[in-house]
Protein backbone atom coordinates (compact mmCIF):
# COMPACT_ATOMS: atom_id res chain seq x y z
CA UNK A 1 -256.78 195.87 124.06
CA UNK A 2 -260.26 197.24 123.46
CA UNK A 3 -260.20 200.98 122.76
CA UNK A 4 -262.93 203.60 122.63
CA UNK A 5 -261.81 206.42 120.38
CA UNK A 6 -262.72 209.36 118.19
CA UNK A 7 -261.46 209.95 114.68
CA UNK A 8 -258.50 212.30 114.40
CA UNK A 9 -257.69 214.84 111.71
CA UNK A 10 -254.35 213.49 110.45
CA UNK A 11 -252.20 213.51 107.37
CA UNK A 12 -251.52 210.05 105.97
CA UNK A 13 -250.02 208.72 102.75
CA UNK A 14 -253.40 209.16 101.07
CA UNK A 15 -254.02 212.73 102.22
CA UNK A 16 -255.38 214.71 105.16
CA UNK A 17 -258.66 213.94 106.83
CA UNK A 18 -260.42 212.11 109.63
CA UNK A 19 -258.85 208.74 110.33
CA UNK A 20 -258.53 206.29 113.18
CA UNK A 21 -255.67 207.08 115.58
CA UNK A 22 -252.36 205.38 114.82
CA UNK A 23 -252.76 203.07 117.81
CA UNK A 24 -255.86 201.40 116.31
CA UNK A 25 -255.06 198.19 114.41
CA UNK A 26 -258.67 197.31 113.65
CA UNK A 27 -261.38 199.90 114.16
CA UNK A 28 -264.65 201.42 113.13
CA UNK A 29 -266.91 199.19 115.21
CA UNK A 30 -270.02 200.06 117.20
CA UNK A 31 -270.44 203.82 116.59
CA UNK A 32 -272.25 205.92 119.18
CA UNK A 33 -274.01 209.27 118.95
CA UNK A 34 -271.11 210.91 120.84
CA UNK A 35 -268.91 210.23 117.78
CA UNK A 36 -266.93 207.49 119.49
CA UNK A 37 -266.08 204.17 117.91
CA UNK A 38 -264.64 200.92 119.20
CA UNK A 39 -261.45 199.38 117.93
CA UNK A 40 -258.66 197.02 118.82
CA UNK A 41 -255.06 197.97 119.55
CA UNK A 42 -252.22 195.50 119.92
CA UNK A 43 -250.46 198.00 122.18
CA UNK A 44 -247.41 198.54 119.97
CA UNK A 45 -248.30 202.24 119.55
CA UNK A 46 -249.22 204.33 122.60
CA UNK A 47 -252.84 205.43 122.92
CA UNK A 48 -253.43 209.02 121.81
CA UNK A 49 -255.47 211.58 123.72
CA UNK A 50 -258.59 210.63 121.71
CA UNK A 51 -258.36 207.01 122.92
CA UNK A 52 -259.20 205.20 126.13
CA UNK A 53 -258.83 201.54 126.95
CA UNK A 54 -262.04 199.88 128.13
CA UNK A 55 -262.78 196.43 129.50
CA UNK A 56 -265.01 193.88 127.82
CA UNK A 57 -267.56 194.51 130.60
CA UNK A 58 -267.51 198.24 129.87
CA UNK A 59 -267.94 197.54 126.15
CA UNK A 60 -270.90 195.27 126.86
CA UNK A 61 -272.54 197.90 129.10
CA UNK A 62 -271.92 200.59 126.45
CA UNK A 63 -273.49 198.52 123.71
CA UNK A 64 -276.52 197.60 125.81
CA UNK A 65 -277.07 201.31 126.54
CA UNK A 66 -276.79 202.12 122.82
CA UNK A 67 -279.13 199.22 122.03
CA UNK A 68 -281.66 200.56 124.54
CA UNK A 69 -281.71 203.95 122.79
CA UNK A 70 -281.24 202.73 119.20
CA UNK A 71 -282.10 199.03 118.92
CA UNK A 72 -279.70 196.85 116.99
CA UNK A 73 -281.35 194.89 114.23
CA UNK A 74 -280.78 191.49 112.65
CA UNK A 75 -282.14 189.70 109.62
CA UNK A 76 -285.41 187.81 109.95
CA UNK A 77 -285.63 184.03 109.71
CA UNK A 78 -285.80 184.11 105.91
CA UNK A 79 -284.55 186.66 103.36
CA UNK A 80 -288.15 187.73 102.73
CA UNK A 81 -288.72 188.58 106.42
CA UNK A 82 -288.34 192.09 107.80
CA UNK A 83 -285.44 192.97 110.07
CA UNK A 84 -286.11 192.29 113.76
CA UNK A 85 -284.77 193.84 116.95
CA UNK A 86 -282.00 191.87 118.63
CA UNK A 87 -282.55 190.77 122.21
CA UNK A 88 -280.21 191.95 124.97
CA UNK A 89 -278.78 188.41 125.12
CA UNK A 90 -278.06 188.51 121.37
CA UNK A 91 -276.27 191.85 121.78
CA UNK A 92 -274.22 190.42 124.68
CA UNK A 93 -273.29 187.37 122.60
CA UNK A 94 -272.32 189.54 119.63
CA UNK A 95 -270.05 191.66 121.84
CA UNK A 96 -268.51 188.62 123.55
CA UNK A 97 -267.85 187.02 120.14
CA UNK A 98 -266.24 190.25 118.89
CA UNK A 99 -263.99 190.49 121.95
CA UNK A 100 -262.97 186.83 121.59
CA UNK A 101 -262.17 187.32 117.90
CA UNK A 102 -259.87 190.25 118.72
CA UNK A 103 -258.18 188.97 121.85
CA UNK A 104 -258.11 185.30 120.99
C-alpha cells in the first residue's frame, strides 16, 4: 500500500533518531514542505499514528500540487544542457511508474 508518513523518533539497532516508521518497507520518496514523505508498506506491520494510506490518485494529486509550488526538474537532452522543468504529464507518468514498481 502507498503510505504518506512522517519520520518518527525511534531507537533502532544503530541508535536513536528520526527514522521511517516500522510499517514502511521502502520509503523516503517525494518529500513535501509539511515534512511528509511517501513510502510503500506491504501491510505486515500495522500503520502507526504518523502514517496514512493513500490511493494512487491521491498521490498523483499531491505530487502535482507540490510540482505546481516547487517544479520538479529533469536533465536536459544532453549532459551539457541545463535542467528543465518537467511537464505535468511527465510528473503523472513518473508517479504511475513508481506505483507500478511498488505494487506490481
